[in-house]
Protein backbone atom coordinates (compact mmCIF):
# COMPACT_ATOMS: atom_id res chain seq x y z
CA UNK A 1 4.68 3.44 -5.65
CA UNK A 2 3.82 -0.36 -5.04
CA UNK A 3 0.71 -1.80 -5.98
CA UNK A 4 -1.16 -3.53 -2.75
CA UNK A 5 -1.73 -7.20 -2.84
CA UNK A 6 -5.56 -8.65 -4.07
CA UNK A 7 -6.46 -9.27 -0.28
CA UNK A 8 -5.87 -5.40 0.85
CA UNK A 9 -7.51 -4.11 -2.21
CA UNK A 10 -11.23 -2.62 -2.16
CA UNK A 11 -14.11 -4.82 -3.76
CA UNK A 12 -14.42 -3.50 -7.32
CA UNK A 13 -17.74 -1.81 -8.44
CA UNK A 14 -20.01 -4.12 -10.06
CA UNK A 15 -21.36 -7.62 -9.81
CA UNK A 16 -18.53 -10.16 -9.61
CA UNK A 17 -18.36 -13.02 -11.49
CA UNK A 18 -19.13 -16.43 -10.66
CA UNK A 19 -16.58 -19.32 -11.56
CA UNK A 20 -18.00 -22.06 -13.94
CA UNK A 21 -16.85 -25.58 -12.89
CA UNK A 22 -13.99 -25.75 -15.15
CA UNK A 23 -12.77 -22.76 -14.25
CA UNK A 24 -13.56 -24.22 -10.34
CA UNK A 25 -11.38 -27.43 -10.90
CA UNK A 26 -8.73 -25.29 -12.62
CA UNK A 27 -8.21 -23.00 -9.01
CA UNK A 28 -8.43 -26.86 -7.32
CA UNK A 29 -5.88 -28.32 -9.35
CA UNK A 30 -3.59 -25.45 -9.09
CA UNK A 31 -4.48 -25.18 -4.97
CA UNK A 32 -3.77 -29.03 -4.88
CA UNK A 33 -0.34 -28.52 -6.76
CA UNK A 34 0.82 -26.01 -4.50
CA UNK A 35 -0.07 -28.15 -1.55
CA UNK A 36 -2.90 -26.63 -0.42
CA UNK A 37 -6.38 -28.24 0.49
CA UNK A 38 -8.46 -25.90 -1.03
CA UNK A 39 -8.22 -22.62 -3.62
CA UNK A 40 -7.50 -19.34 -1.92
CA UNK A 41 -8.24 -15.71 -3.51
CA UNK A 42 -5.25 -15.86 -5.95
CA UNK A 43 -6.07 -19.20 -7.45
CA UNK A 44 -9.80 -18.02 -8.60
CA UNK A 45 -8.45 -14.91 -9.93
CA UNK A 46 -6.17 -16.86 -11.91
CA UNK A 47 -8.76 -19.44 -12.98
CA UNK A 48 -11.16 -16.36 -13.82
CA UNK A 49 -8.31 -14.64 -15.94
CA UNK A 50 -7.36 -18.15 -17.63
CA UNK A 51 -11.03 -18.94 -18.59
CA UNK A 52 -11.56 -15.02 -20.17
CA UNK A 53 -8.41 -15.36 -22.23
CA UNK A 54 -9.29 -19.43 -23.36
CA UNK A 55 -6.47 -20.38 -22.08
CA UNK A 56 -5.87 -23.84 -20.29
CA UNK A 57 -1.96 -24.25 -18.50
């Protein structure tokens, strides 16, 4: 079975997390590299995951 894309999934249970200023900057930089003006859901999910793992790529 194929997994649904993030924008079609339901909201996960519990409280969401806020991005730190560093994570927001990373998401914005990723969006700009991709030619977008603002970060989208996928950029924000990527930045949140990078912050947890401590990776800066």
